[in-house]
N, C-alpha and C. Protein backbone atom coordinates (compact mmCIF):
# COMPACT_ATOMS: atom_id res chain seq x y z
N MET A 1 43.09 -15.83 -19.73
CA MET A 1 42.02 -16.80 -19.51
C MET A 1 42.50 -17.83 -18.49
N VAL A 2 41.72 -18.02 -17.43
CA VAL A 2 42.17 -18.89 -16.35
C VAL A 2 40.96 -19.44 -15.60
N VAL A 3 41.16 -20.62 -15.02
CA VAL A 3 40.17 -21.19 -14.11
C VAL A 3 40.63 -20.93 -12.69
N HIS A 4 39.78 -20.30 -11.89
CA HIS A 4 40.13 -19.98 -10.51
C HIS A 4 39.68 -21.08 -9.57
N LEU A 5 40.57 -21.47 -8.65
CA LEU A 5 40.24 -22.44 -7.61
C LEU A 5 40.02 -21.70 -6.30
N HIS A 6 38.79 -21.76 -5.78
CA HIS A 6 38.46 -21.13 -4.50
C HIS A 6 38.84 -22.08 -3.36
N PRO A 7 39.03 -21.56 -2.15
CA PRO A 7 39.35 -22.44 -1.02
C PRO A 7 38.27 -23.51 -0.83
N LEU A 8 38.71 -24.74 -0.69
CA LEU A 8 37.79 -25.86 -0.49
C LEU A 8 37.74 -26.24 0.98
N PRO A 9 36.62 -26.75 1.46
CA PRO A 9 36.53 -27.14 2.87
C PRO A 9 37.60 -28.16 3.23
N LYS A 10 38.24 -27.96 4.38
CA LYS A 10 39.26 -28.92 4.80
C LYS A 10 38.63 -30.17 5.40
N ARG A 11 37.42 -30.03 5.91
CA ARG A 11 36.73 -31.17 6.50
C ARG A 11 35.40 -31.39 5.80
N ARG A 12 35.07 -32.63 5.55
CA ARG A 12 33.80 -32.99 4.96
C ARG A 12 32.96 -33.74 5.97
N LEU A 13 31.69 -33.87 5.68
CA LEU A 13 30.80 -34.60 6.57
C LEU A 13 31.22 -36.06 6.65
N GLY A 14 31.19 -36.60 7.85
CA GLY A 14 31.53 -38.00 8.04
C GLY A 14 30.36 -38.91 7.77
N PRO A 15 30.60 -40.21 7.76
CA PRO A 15 29.52 -41.18 7.48
C PRO A 15 28.33 -41.04 8.42
N LYS A 16 28.56 -40.74 9.71
CA LYS A 16 27.45 -40.63 10.65
C LYS A 16 26.56 -39.45 10.31
N ALA A 17 27.18 -38.31 10.00
CA ALA A 17 26.39 -37.13 9.65
C ALA A 17 25.56 -37.38 8.39
N LEU A 18 26.15 -38.04 7.41
CA LEU A 18 25.41 -38.35 6.19
C LEU A 18 24.32 -39.39 6.43
N ALA A 19 24.60 -40.34 7.33
CA ALA A 19 23.61 -41.39 7.62
C ALA A 19 22.32 -40.80 8.17
N ASP A 20 22.42 -39.69 8.89
CA ASP A 20 21.22 -39.05 9.42
C ASP A 20 20.27 -38.61 8.31
N TRP A 21 20.81 -38.41 7.10
CA TRP A 21 20.00 -37.94 5.97
C TRP A 21 19.61 -39.07 5.02
N SER A 22 20.01 -40.29 5.29
CA SER A 22 19.87 -41.36 4.31
C SER A 22 18.40 -41.65 3.97
N HIS A 23 17.48 -41.35 4.88
CA HIS A 23 16.06 -41.63 4.63
C HIS A 23 15.29 -40.37 4.22
N ILE A 24 16.00 -39.26 4.02
CA ILE A 24 15.34 -38.00 3.63
C ILE A 24 15.36 -37.88 2.11
N ARG A 25 14.21 -37.78 1.51
CA ARG A 25 14.13 -37.63 0.06
C ARG A 25 13.97 -36.15 -0.31
N SER A 26 14.20 -35.87 -1.59
CA SER A 26 14.24 -34.47 -2.04
C SER A 26 12.94 -33.71 -1.76
N PRO A 27 11.74 -34.29 -1.91
CA PRO A 27 10.53 -33.52 -1.61
C PRO A 27 10.42 -33.15 -0.13
N ILE A 28 10.81 -34.07 0.76
CA ILE A 28 10.73 -33.79 2.20
C ILE A 28 11.68 -32.65 2.55
N ALA A 29 12.89 -32.69 1.99
CA ALA A 29 13.86 -31.62 2.27
C ALA A 29 13.35 -30.28 1.78
N SER A 30 12.77 -30.26 0.59
CA SER A 30 12.24 -29.01 0.04
C SER A 30 11.07 -28.50 0.86
N ASP A 31 10.13 -29.40 1.20
CA ASP A 31 8.98 -28.98 2.02
C ASP A 31 9.45 -28.40 3.35
N SER A 32 10.51 -28.97 3.91
CA SER A 32 11.00 -28.54 5.22
C SER A 32 11.74 -27.21 5.15
N MET A 33 12.02 -26.74 3.93
CA MET A 33 12.63 -25.42 3.74
C MET A 33 11.64 -24.47 3.06
N ASN A 34 10.35 -24.70 3.28
CA ASN A 34 9.30 -23.85 2.71
C ASN A 34 9.37 -23.82 1.19
N LYS A 35 9.54 -25.03 0.61
CA LYS A 35 9.56 -25.25 -0.84
C LYS A 35 10.80 -24.66 -1.51
N ALA A 36 11.85 -24.42 -0.76
CA ALA A 36 13.08 -23.85 -1.32
C ALA A 36 14.10 -24.94 -1.61
N GLY A 37 15.16 -24.56 -2.33
CA GLY A 37 16.30 -25.43 -2.53
C GLY A 37 16.18 -26.43 -3.65
N THR A 38 15.05 -26.43 -4.38
CA THR A 38 14.83 -27.43 -5.42
C THR A 38 15.31 -26.89 -6.77
N LEU A 39 16.15 -27.68 -7.44
CA LEU A 39 16.64 -27.26 -8.75
C LEU A 39 15.52 -27.25 -9.78
N ASP A 40 15.70 -26.45 -10.81
CA ASP A 40 14.77 -26.36 -11.94
C ASP A 40 14.33 -27.76 -12.37
N ALA A 41 13.04 -27.93 -12.58
CA ALA A 41 12.48 -29.24 -12.94
C ALA A 41 13.03 -29.77 -14.26
N ALA A 42 13.64 -28.90 -15.07
CA ALA A 42 14.22 -29.36 -16.34
C ALA A 42 15.51 -30.15 -16.13
N ILE A 43 16.10 -30.06 -14.96
CA ILE A 43 17.30 -30.85 -14.66
C ILE A 43 16.84 -32.19 -14.10
N ARG A 44 16.92 -33.22 -14.94
CA ARG A 44 16.29 -34.51 -14.65
C ARG A 44 17.32 -35.62 -14.50
N PRO A 45 16.96 -36.68 -13.77
CA PRO A 45 17.86 -37.83 -13.67
C PRO A 45 18.00 -38.54 -15.01
N LEU A 46 19.20 -39.04 -15.27
CA LEU A 46 19.45 -39.73 -16.54
C LEU A 46 18.71 -41.07 -16.58
N LYS A 47 18.47 -41.66 -15.42
CA LYS A 47 17.64 -42.86 -15.35
C LYS A 47 16.95 -42.91 -14.00
N THR A 48 15.95 -43.76 -13.86
CA THR A 48 15.21 -43.85 -12.61
C THR A 48 16.00 -44.69 -11.60
N GLY A 49 15.64 -44.48 -10.34
CA GLY A 49 16.21 -45.29 -9.28
C GLY A 49 17.39 -44.70 -8.55
N TYR A 50 17.83 -43.50 -8.95
CA TYR A 50 18.95 -42.88 -8.25
C TYR A 50 18.58 -42.50 -6.82
N LEU A 51 19.51 -42.72 -5.91
CA LEU A 51 19.44 -42.16 -4.56
C LEU A 51 20.80 -41.51 -4.31
N MET A 52 20.86 -40.20 -4.49
CA MET A 52 22.11 -39.46 -4.42
C MET A 52 22.18 -38.65 -3.14
N LEU A 53 23.29 -38.74 -2.46
CA LEU A 53 23.50 -37.97 -1.23
C LEU A 53 24.99 -37.67 -1.10
N GLY A 54 25.32 -36.40 -0.98
CA GLY A 54 26.71 -36.01 -0.83
C GLY A 54 26.83 -34.51 -0.69
N GLN A 55 28.06 -34.04 -0.68
CA GLN A 55 28.33 -32.61 -0.55
C GLN A 55 28.76 -32.02 -1.88
N ALA A 56 28.30 -30.81 -2.13
CA ALA A 56 28.54 -30.16 -3.41
C ALA A 56 30.02 -29.78 -3.58
N LEU A 57 30.52 -30.03 -4.78
CA LEU A 57 31.75 -29.43 -5.28
C LEU A 57 31.33 -28.60 -6.48
N THR A 58 31.37 -27.29 -6.34
CA THR A 58 30.75 -26.41 -7.34
C THR A 58 31.71 -26.05 -8.46
N VAL A 59 31.10 -25.83 -9.63
CA VAL A 59 31.85 -25.42 -10.82
C VAL A 59 31.04 -24.36 -11.57
N ARG A 60 31.72 -23.29 -11.96
CA ARG A 60 31.12 -22.30 -12.87
C ARG A 60 31.85 -22.42 -14.19
N ALA A 61 31.10 -22.76 -15.24
CA ALA A 61 31.69 -22.96 -16.55
C ALA A 61 31.10 -22.00 -17.57
N MET A 62 31.89 -21.60 -18.53
CA MET A 62 31.36 -20.85 -19.65
C MET A 62 30.52 -21.79 -20.51
N ALA A 63 29.63 -21.24 -21.30
CA ALA A 63 28.74 -22.06 -22.12
C ALA A 63 29.54 -22.99 -23.02
N GLY A 64 29.35 -24.28 -22.83
CA GLY A 64 30.01 -25.28 -23.67
C GLY A 64 31.47 -25.52 -23.35
N ASP A 65 32.00 -24.93 -22.29
CA ASP A 65 33.43 -25.02 -21.96
C ASP A 65 33.65 -26.11 -20.91
N ILE A 66 34.54 -27.03 -21.21
CA ILE A 66 34.77 -28.20 -20.37
C ILE A 66 35.91 -28.00 -19.36
N THR A 67 36.68 -26.93 -19.52
CA THR A 67 37.94 -26.80 -18.79
C THR A 67 37.76 -26.83 -17.27
N ALA A 68 36.82 -26.03 -16.76
CA ALA A 68 36.66 -25.95 -15.31
C ALA A 68 36.22 -27.29 -14.72
N LEU A 69 35.43 -28.05 -15.46
CA LEU A 69 34.99 -29.35 -14.96
C LEU A 69 36.16 -30.31 -14.83
N LEU A 70 37.07 -30.27 -15.80
CA LEU A 70 38.24 -31.15 -15.74
C LEU A 70 39.10 -30.82 -14.52
N HIS A 71 39.27 -29.53 -14.24
CA HIS A 71 40.03 -29.14 -13.05
C HIS A 71 39.31 -29.58 -11.78
N ALA A 72 37.98 -29.46 -11.76
CA ALA A 72 37.22 -29.85 -10.58
C ALA A 72 37.39 -31.35 -10.29
N LEU A 73 37.35 -32.16 -11.32
CA LEU A 73 37.52 -33.60 -11.13
C LEU A 73 38.88 -33.91 -10.51
N SER A 74 39.88 -33.11 -10.83
CA SER A 74 41.23 -33.38 -10.32
C SER A 74 41.36 -33.12 -8.83
N VAL A 75 40.43 -32.35 -8.24
CA VAL A 75 40.49 -32.06 -6.80
C VAL A 75 39.31 -32.69 -6.05
N ALA A 76 38.48 -33.45 -6.74
CA ALA A 76 37.30 -34.05 -6.11
C ALA A 76 37.70 -35.11 -5.09
N LYS A 77 36.88 -35.21 -4.05
CA LYS A 77 37.09 -36.19 -2.98
C LYS A 77 35.92 -37.18 -2.96
N PRO A 78 36.13 -38.36 -2.36
CA PRO A 78 35.03 -39.32 -2.24
C PRO A 78 33.81 -38.69 -1.55
N GLY A 79 32.64 -38.93 -2.10
CA GLY A 79 31.41 -38.37 -1.54
C GLY A 79 31.01 -37.04 -2.10
N ASP A 80 31.87 -36.40 -2.90
CA ASP A 80 31.51 -35.12 -3.51
C ASP A 80 30.47 -35.32 -4.61
N VAL A 81 29.60 -34.33 -4.75
CA VAL A 81 28.68 -34.25 -5.88
C VAL A 81 29.09 -33.06 -6.74
N LEU A 82 29.45 -33.32 -7.98
CA LEU A 82 29.82 -32.24 -8.89
C LEU A 82 28.57 -31.47 -9.28
N VAL A 83 28.52 -30.18 -8.94
CA VAL A 83 27.36 -29.34 -9.24
C VAL A 83 27.83 -28.22 -10.16
N VAL A 84 27.35 -28.24 -11.39
CA VAL A 84 27.93 -27.39 -12.44
C VAL A 84 26.92 -26.36 -12.94
N ASP A 85 27.31 -25.10 -12.85
CA ASP A 85 26.59 -24.02 -13.51
C ASP A 85 27.15 -23.90 -14.92
N GLY A 86 26.47 -24.55 -15.86
CA GLY A 86 26.88 -24.51 -17.26
C GLY A 86 26.08 -23.51 -18.06
N ARG A 87 25.50 -22.52 -17.36
CA ARG A 87 24.73 -21.45 -17.99
C ARG A 87 23.48 -21.96 -18.69
N GLY A 88 23.10 -23.21 -18.41
CA GLY A 88 21.93 -23.77 -19.06
C GLY A 88 22.11 -24.01 -20.54
N HIS A 89 23.36 -23.99 -21.01
CA HIS A 89 23.65 -24.14 -22.44
C HIS A 89 23.47 -25.60 -22.83
N THR A 90 22.65 -25.85 -23.84
CA THR A 90 22.30 -27.22 -24.18
C THR A 90 22.80 -27.67 -25.55
N ASN A 91 23.58 -26.85 -26.25
CA ASN A 91 24.03 -27.22 -27.59
C ASN A 91 25.40 -27.86 -27.63
N ASN A 92 26.12 -27.86 -26.50
CA ASN A 92 27.42 -28.53 -26.42
C ASN A 92 27.51 -29.27 -25.10
N ALA A 93 27.87 -30.54 -25.15
CA ALA A 93 28.00 -31.35 -23.94
C ALA A 93 29.27 -30.97 -23.19
N ILE A 94 29.15 -30.83 -21.86
CA ILE A 94 30.32 -30.54 -21.04
C ILE A 94 30.63 -31.68 -20.07
N LEU A 95 29.99 -32.80 -20.25
CA LEU A 95 30.31 -34.02 -19.50
C LEU A 95 30.05 -35.21 -20.40
N GLY A 96 30.99 -36.18 -20.35
CA GLY A 96 30.84 -37.38 -21.15
C GLY A 96 31.35 -38.60 -20.41
N GLY A 97 31.52 -39.68 -21.15
CA GLY A 97 31.89 -40.95 -20.55
C GLY A 97 33.24 -40.95 -19.87
N ASN A 98 34.26 -40.36 -20.48
CA ASN A 98 35.59 -40.36 -19.88
C ASN A 98 35.62 -39.62 -18.55
N MET A 99 34.95 -38.49 -18.49
CA MET A 99 34.92 -37.71 -17.25
C MET A 99 34.14 -38.47 -16.18
N THR A 100 33.07 -39.15 -16.60
CA THR A 100 32.31 -39.94 -15.64
C THR A 100 33.16 -41.06 -15.07
N ASN A 101 33.99 -41.67 -15.90
CA ASN A 101 34.92 -42.69 -15.42
C ASN A 101 35.84 -42.13 -14.34
N GLU A 102 36.34 -40.92 -14.56
CA GLU A 102 37.21 -40.31 -13.54
C GLU A 102 36.44 -40.04 -12.26
N ALA A 103 35.20 -39.56 -12.39
CA ALA A 103 34.38 -39.33 -11.20
C ALA A 103 34.18 -40.61 -10.41
N LEU A 104 33.96 -41.72 -11.10
CA LEU A 104 33.80 -43.00 -10.43
C LEU A 104 35.08 -43.41 -9.72
N ARG A 105 36.20 -43.26 -10.38
CA ARG A 105 37.48 -43.64 -9.75
C ARG A 105 37.76 -42.83 -8.50
N ARG A 106 37.25 -41.62 -8.46
CA ARG A 106 37.47 -40.76 -7.30
C ARG A 106 36.41 -40.94 -6.22
N GLY A 107 35.45 -41.82 -6.47
CA GLY A 107 34.44 -42.11 -5.46
C GLY A 107 33.40 -41.02 -5.29
N MET A 108 33.15 -40.26 -6.35
CA MET A 108 32.16 -39.18 -6.25
C MET A 108 30.76 -39.76 -6.12
N ALA A 109 29.87 -38.97 -5.48
CA ALA A 109 28.52 -39.44 -5.19
C ALA A 109 27.51 -39.06 -6.26
N GLY A 110 27.87 -38.16 -7.18
CA GLY A 110 26.92 -37.78 -8.20
C GLY A 110 27.42 -36.64 -9.07
N LEU A 111 26.66 -36.38 -10.14
CA LEU A 111 27.00 -35.36 -11.13
C LEU A 111 25.73 -34.60 -11.49
N ILE A 112 25.78 -33.27 -11.42
CA ILE A 112 24.64 -32.44 -11.77
C ILE A 112 25.12 -31.37 -12.75
N ILE A 113 24.52 -31.35 -13.92
CA ILE A 113 24.96 -30.46 -14.98
C ILE A 113 23.81 -29.55 -15.41
N ASP A 114 23.93 -28.27 -15.11
CA ASP A 114 22.96 -27.30 -15.64
C ASP A 114 23.46 -26.89 -17.02
N GLY A 115 23.31 -27.82 -17.93
CA GLY A 115 23.82 -27.74 -19.29
C GLY A 115 23.55 -29.07 -19.94
N ALA A 116 24.46 -29.53 -20.79
CA ALA A 116 24.24 -30.77 -21.53
C ALA A 116 25.35 -31.79 -21.30
N ILE A 117 25.01 -33.06 -21.49
CA ILE A 117 25.97 -34.15 -21.44
C ILE A 117 25.88 -34.95 -22.73
N ARG A 118 26.84 -35.86 -22.93
CA ARG A 118 26.73 -36.85 -24.00
C ARG A 118 27.24 -38.20 -23.48
N ASP A 119 27.28 -39.21 -24.34
CA ASP A 119 27.61 -40.58 -23.92
C ASP A 119 26.60 -41.06 -22.87
N ALA A 120 25.34 -40.76 -23.10
CA ALA A 120 24.31 -41.01 -22.10
C ALA A 120 24.20 -42.50 -21.75
N ALA A 121 24.26 -43.38 -22.74
CA ALA A 121 24.13 -44.81 -22.47
C ALA A 121 25.27 -45.30 -21.59
N GLU A 122 26.48 -44.83 -21.87
CA GLU A 122 27.63 -45.22 -21.06
C GLU A 122 27.48 -44.74 -19.62
N ILE A 123 27.04 -43.52 -19.45
CA ILE A 123 26.88 -42.98 -18.10
C ILE A 123 25.79 -43.73 -17.35
N ARG A 124 24.71 -44.07 -18.03
CA ARG A 124 23.67 -44.88 -17.39
C ARG A 124 24.24 -46.21 -16.89
N ASP A 125 25.06 -46.83 -17.73
CA ASP A 125 25.62 -48.13 -17.36
C ASP A 125 26.56 -48.03 -16.17
N HIS A 126 27.24 -46.90 -16.03
CA HIS A 126 28.16 -46.73 -14.90
C HIS A 126 27.41 -46.72 -13.56
N GLY A 127 26.19 -46.20 -13.57
CA GLY A 127 25.37 -46.22 -12.37
C GLY A 127 25.53 -45.02 -11.46
N ILE A 128 26.56 -44.19 -11.66
CA ILE A 128 26.70 -43.00 -10.81
C ILE A 128 25.54 -42.06 -11.10
N PRO A 129 24.86 -41.53 -10.06
CA PRO A 129 23.74 -40.62 -10.32
C PRO A 129 24.17 -39.42 -11.16
N CYS A 130 23.42 -39.17 -12.22
CA CYS A 130 23.71 -38.06 -13.12
C CYS A 130 22.42 -37.34 -13.45
N TYR A 131 22.41 -36.04 -13.23
CA TYR A 131 21.25 -35.19 -13.53
C TYR A 131 21.69 -34.13 -14.53
N THR A 132 20.87 -33.89 -15.53
CA THR A 132 21.28 -32.96 -16.57
C THR A 132 20.08 -32.26 -17.18
N ARG A 133 20.35 -31.10 -17.78
CA ARG A 133 19.29 -30.36 -18.46
C ARG A 133 19.04 -30.89 -19.87
N ALA A 134 20.08 -31.46 -20.50
CA ALA A 134 19.92 -31.89 -21.90
C ALA A 134 20.99 -32.93 -22.25
N ILE A 135 20.74 -33.60 -23.37
CA ILE A 135 21.69 -34.56 -23.94
C ILE A 135 21.90 -34.17 -25.40
N THR A 136 23.16 -34.16 -25.84
CA THR A 136 23.48 -33.82 -27.23
C THR A 136 24.76 -34.53 -27.64
N PRO A 137 24.90 -34.91 -28.91
CA PRO A 137 26.17 -35.49 -29.36
C PRO A 137 27.28 -34.46 -29.55
N ALA A 138 26.93 -33.19 -29.63
CA ALA A 138 27.93 -32.15 -29.91
C ALA A 138 28.88 -31.99 -28.73
N GLY A 139 30.17 -31.99 -29.01
CA GLY A 139 31.18 -31.91 -27.96
C GLY A 139 31.45 -30.50 -27.48
N PRO A 140 32.32 -30.40 -26.46
CA PRO A 140 32.62 -29.12 -25.82
C PRO A 140 33.77 -28.40 -26.51
N HIS A 141 34.12 -27.24 -25.94
CA HIS A 141 35.33 -26.53 -26.36
C HIS A 141 36.15 -26.22 -25.10
N PHE A 142 37.33 -25.67 -25.30
CA PHE A 142 38.23 -25.36 -24.21
C PHE A 142 38.45 -23.85 -24.17
N GLY A 143 37.58 -23.16 -23.43
CA GLY A 143 37.70 -21.71 -23.32
C GLY A 143 38.62 -21.29 -22.19
N HIS A 144 38.92 -22.22 -21.28
CA HIS A 144 39.86 -21.98 -20.18
C HIS A 144 39.41 -20.84 -19.26
N ILE A 145 38.10 -20.76 -19.03
CA ILE A 145 37.56 -19.75 -18.13
C ILE A 145 36.58 -20.44 -17.18
N GLY A 146 36.62 -20.07 -15.91
CA GLY A 146 35.63 -20.61 -14.98
C GLY A 146 36.13 -20.57 -13.55
N ASP A 147 35.37 -21.20 -12.67
CA ASP A 147 35.70 -21.24 -11.25
C ASP A 147 35.39 -22.63 -10.70
N VAL A 148 36.18 -23.05 -9.74
CA VAL A 148 35.94 -24.29 -9.00
C VAL A 148 35.87 -23.94 -7.52
N GLY A 149 34.78 -24.34 -6.87
CA GLY A 149 34.67 -24.15 -5.43
C GLY A 149 33.98 -22.89 -4.98
N GLY A 150 33.62 -22.01 -5.91
CA GLY A 150 32.96 -20.76 -5.55
C GLY A 150 31.44 -20.91 -5.53
N ALA A 151 30.75 -19.86 -5.10
CA ALA A 151 29.29 -19.87 -5.11
C ALA A 151 28.79 -19.83 -6.55
N ILE A 152 27.77 -20.63 -6.84
CA ILE A 152 27.21 -20.67 -8.18
C ILE A 152 25.68 -20.63 -8.10
N SER A 153 25.06 -20.49 -9.26
CA SER A 153 23.63 -20.69 -9.39
C SER A 153 23.43 -21.87 -10.31
N CYS A 154 22.81 -22.93 -9.80
CA CYS A 154 22.55 -24.13 -10.60
C CYS A 154 21.06 -24.41 -10.56
N GLY A 155 20.44 -24.43 -11.71
CA GLY A 155 19.00 -24.68 -11.75
C GLY A 155 18.20 -23.69 -10.95
N GLY A 156 18.68 -22.45 -10.85
CA GLY A 156 17.98 -21.40 -10.13
C GLY A 156 18.21 -21.39 -8.63
N VAL A 157 19.12 -22.24 -8.14
CA VAL A 157 19.40 -22.31 -6.71
C VAL A 157 20.86 -21.93 -6.45
N VAL A 158 21.08 -21.09 -5.46
CA VAL A 158 22.44 -20.75 -5.06
C VAL A 158 23.05 -21.96 -4.34
N VAL A 159 24.23 -22.37 -4.79
CA VAL A 159 24.90 -23.54 -4.21
C VAL A 159 26.33 -23.17 -3.84
N HIS A 160 26.73 -23.57 -2.63
CA HIS A 160 28.10 -23.40 -2.18
C HIS A 160 28.76 -24.77 -2.03
N THR A 161 30.04 -24.82 -2.28
CA THR A 161 30.76 -26.06 -2.01
C THR A 161 30.59 -26.44 -0.54
N GLY A 162 30.26 -27.70 -0.32
CA GLY A 162 30.00 -28.19 1.04
C GLY A 162 28.54 -28.32 1.38
N ASP A 163 27.66 -27.68 0.59
CA ASP A 163 26.23 -27.85 0.83
C ASP A 163 25.83 -29.30 0.60
N LEU A 164 24.75 -29.71 1.26
CA LEU A 164 24.25 -31.07 1.12
C LEU A 164 23.36 -31.17 -0.11
N VAL A 165 23.56 -32.23 -0.90
CA VAL A 165 22.82 -32.42 -2.14
C VAL A 165 22.07 -33.74 -2.06
N ILE A 166 20.75 -33.68 -2.26
CA ILE A 166 19.89 -34.85 -2.19
C ILE A 166 19.22 -35.03 -3.55
N GLY A 167 19.39 -36.20 -4.16
CA GLY A 167 18.78 -36.46 -5.46
C GLY A 167 18.06 -37.79 -5.48
N ASP A 168 16.96 -37.85 -6.21
CA ASP A 168 16.20 -39.08 -6.38
C ASP A 168 15.37 -38.94 -7.64
N ASP A 169 14.34 -39.80 -7.80
CA ASP A 169 13.55 -39.75 -9.02
C ASP A 169 12.78 -38.45 -9.18
N ASP A 170 12.54 -37.72 -8.09
CA ASP A 170 11.78 -36.47 -8.17
C ASP A 170 12.64 -35.28 -8.59
N GLY A 171 13.95 -35.39 -8.46
CA GLY A 171 14.83 -34.28 -8.79
C GLY A 171 15.88 -34.07 -7.72
N VAL A 172 16.32 -32.82 -7.57
CA VAL A 172 17.43 -32.50 -6.67
C VAL A 172 17.04 -31.35 -5.75
N THR A 173 17.35 -31.51 -4.46
CA THR A 173 17.21 -30.44 -3.49
C THR A 173 18.55 -30.21 -2.81
N VAL A 174 18.89 -28.95 -2.62
CA VAL A 174 20.16 -28.56 -1.98
C VAL A 174 19.86 -27.95 -0.62
N VAL A 175 20.52 -28.46 0.40
CA VAL A 175 20.37 -27.94 1.76
C VAL A 175 21.64 -27.18 2.13
N PRO A 176 21.55 -25.88 2.41
CA PRO A 176 22.76 -25.13 2.80
C PRO A 176 23.43 -25.77 4.01
N LYS A 177 24.74 -25.87 3.96
CA LYS A 177 25.46 -26.54 5.05
C LYS A 177 25.18 -25.88 6.40
N ALA A 178 25.08 -24.56 6.41
CA ALA A 178 24.87 -23.84 7.67
C ALA A 178 23.49 -24.13 8.27
N ARG A 179 22.56 -24.66 7.48
CA ARG A 179 21.20 -24.90 7.96
C ARG A 179 20.90 -26.38 8.15
N MET A 180 21.89 -27.22 8.01
CA MET A 180 21.62 -28.66 8.01
C MET A 180 20.93 -29.13 9.29
N ALA A 181 21.38 -28.68 10.44
CA ALA A 181 20.80 -29.16 11.70
C ALA A 181 19.32 -28.79 11.80
N SER A 182 19.00 -27.53 11.51
CA SER A 182 17.60 -27.09 11.64
C SER A 182 16.72 -27.73 10.58
N VAL A 183 17.25 -27.91 9.36
CA VAL A 183 16.45 -28.52 8.30
C VAL A 183 16.23 -30.01 8.60
N LEU A 184 17.24 -30.68 9.14
CA LEU A 184 17.06 -32.09 9.49
C LEU A 184 15.96 -32.25 10.54
N ALA A 185 15.96 -31.37 11.54
CA ALA A 185 14.90 -31.43 12.56
C ALA A 185 13.54 -31.21 11.93
N ALA A 186 13.45 -30.25 10.99
CA ALA A 186 12.18 -29.99 10.31
C ALA A 186 11.77 -31.18 9.45
N CYS A 187 12.73 -31.84 8.81
CA CYS A 187 12.43 -33.02 8.00
C CYS A 187 11.83 -34.12 8.86
N ARG A 188 12.40 -34.31 10.04
CA ARG A 188 11.88 -35.36 10.93
C ARG A 188 10.45 -35.04 11.38
N GLU A 189 10.17 -33.77 11.62
CA GLU A 189 8.81 -33.37 11.96
C GLU A 189 7.85 -33.63 10.78
N THR A 190 8.33 -33.32 9.58
CA THR A 190 7.50 -33.54 8.39
C THR A 190 7.20 -35.03 8.21
N LEU A 191 8.22 -35.87 8.39
CA LEU A 191 8.02 -37.31 8.25
C LEU A 191 7.03 -37.83 9.30
N ALA A 192 7.13 -37.31 10.52
CA ALA A 192 6.20 -37.73 11.57
C ALA A 192 4.77 -37.32 11.22
N ALA A 193 4.62 -36.10 10.69
CA ALA A 193 3.29 -35.63 10.30
C ALA A 193 2.72 -36.49 9.16
N GLU A 194 3.58 -36.85 8.19
CA GLU A 194 3.10 -37.66 7.08
C GLU A 194 2.72 -39.07 7.55
N ALA A 195 3.46 -39.60 8.51
CA ALA A 195 3.10 -40.91 9.06
C ALA A 195 1.72 -40.86 9.73
N GLU A 196 1.41 -39.76 10.41
CA GLU A 196 0.10 -39.60 11.03
C GLU A 196 -0.99 -39.45 9.96
N TRP A 197 -0.67 -38.69 8.89
CA TRP A 197 -1.64 -38.59 7.79
C TRP A 197 -1.96 -39.97 7.23
N GLU A 198 -0.93 -40.77 7.03
CA GLU A 198 -1.12 -42.10 6.46
C GLU A 198 -2.00 -42.95 7.38
N ARG A 199 -1.78 -42.84 8.67
CA ARG A 199 -2.60 -43.60 9.63
C ARG A 199 -4.06 -43.21 9.50
N ARG A 200 -4.32 -41.91 9.40
CA ARG A 200 -5.70 -41.44 9.32
C ARG A 200 -6.33 -41.76 7.96
N LEU A 201 -5.53 -41.71 6.90
CA LEU A 201 -6.05 -42.10 5.58
C LEU A 201 -6.47 -43.56 5.58
N GLU A 202 -5.64 -44.40 6.18
CA GLU A 202 -5.97 -45.82 6.23
C GLU A 202 -7.22 -46.07 7.09
N ALA A 203 -7.48 -45.16 8.02
CA ALA A 203 -8.69 -45.28 8.83
C ALA A 203 -9.93 -44.76 8.11
N GLY A 204 -9.73 -44.21 6.90
CA GLY A 204 -10.87 -43.81 6.09
C GLY A 204 -11.17 -42.32 6.08
N GLU A 205 -10.37 -41.50 6.73
CA GLU A 205 -10.63 -40.05 6.73
C GLU A 205 -10.26 -39.45 5.37
N PRO A 206 -11.07 -38.52 4.85
CA PRO A 206 -10.70 -37.81 3.62
C PRO A 206 -9.46 -36.94 3.86
N PHE A 207 -8.60 -36.88 2.87
CA PHE A 207 -7.37 -36.09 3.01
C PHE A 207 -7.70 -34.62 3.24
N ALA A 208 -8.76 -34.13 2.60
CA ALA A 208 -9.15 -32.72 2.77
C ALA A 208 -9.46 -32.41 4.23
N GLU A 209 -10.09 -33.36 4.93
CA GLU A 209 -10.40 -33.14 6.34
C GLU A 209 -9.14 -33.24 7.20
N ILE A 210 -8.26 -34.17 6.84
CA ILE A 210 -7.01 -34.31 7.59
C ILE A 210 -6.21 -33.01 7.53
N LEU A 211 -6.22 -32.37 6.36
CA LEU A 211 -5.48 -31.11 6.17
C LEU A 211 -6.28 -29.90 6.63
N ASP A 212 -7.49 -30.15 7.12
CA ASP A 212 -8.35 -29.08 7.66
C ASP A 212 -8.61 -27.98 6.65
N LEU A 213 -8.95 -28.38 5.40
CA LEU A 213 -9.25 -27.40 4.37
C LEU A 213 -10.61 -26.76 4.63
N PRO A 214 -10.78 -25.49 4.24
CA PRO A 214 -12.11 -24.88 4.33
C PRO A 214 -13.09 -25.66 3.47
N PRO A 215 -14.36 -25.74 3.89
CA PRO A 215 -15.35 -26.49 3.11
C PRO A 215 -15.61 -25.81 1.76
N MET A 216 -16.02 -26.61 0.78
CA MET A 216 -16.41 -26.06 -0.50
C MET A 216 -17.70 -25.26 -0.35
N GLU A 217 -17.89 -24.28 -1.24
CA GLU A 217 -19.11 -23.49 -1.24
C GLU A 217 -19.89 -23.75 -2.52
N PRO A 218 -21.22 -23.65 -2.45
CA PRO A 218 -22.02 -23.85 -3.69
C PRO A 218 -21.62 -22.86 -4.77
N ALA A 219 -21.59 -23.32 -5.97
CA ALA A 219 -21.28 -22.43 -7.10
C ALA A 219 -22.42 -21.42 -7.27
N PRO A 220 -22.11 -20.17 -7.63
CA PRO A 220 -23.18 -19.17 -7.81
C PRO A 220 -24.04 -19.50 -9.02
């Protein structure tokens, strides 16, 4: 039984590259990828008001097993978002207050658990963005099996270490690192289109006409 560490990126995105995304919210990113990249709606923010932006550090954990997460925290870098495939298991927490403290000390940008957490009040107070499928008082076990840094499926989305992770009150969207430039351009086009929609709405045009919907037909 062992936790495997996959090769981690030697270079991470710099402040300028991340700043380009600072005004992009999760719905805009998803719309710009043809509604792709959005985690399962059951993975929700622990409290409102989060604005999370960083690069994924992926973890594959066995159901209820905390071991791989502990190893991941030991190699985490500032700006990383811990993205955990916990098999959607909700009966044992695999993240708690002590681990969140370590994430804060390492300057991590967020925590996403496709599974369960505990110590919810403490984590809320810390302020680090945390998204989870469930909350339970039941603790984890140490199965000593898993992966850090490899490709995972979290909330139904394939995530690689280094991918861009955007979180807010609406949920989480993941942008593949290899597509960041094209998706950012598409996001800017989407924002420009929405600004034009807003202008026309304020001028009194019906949204249905702005979107050029086919007219309604009389009911038979």
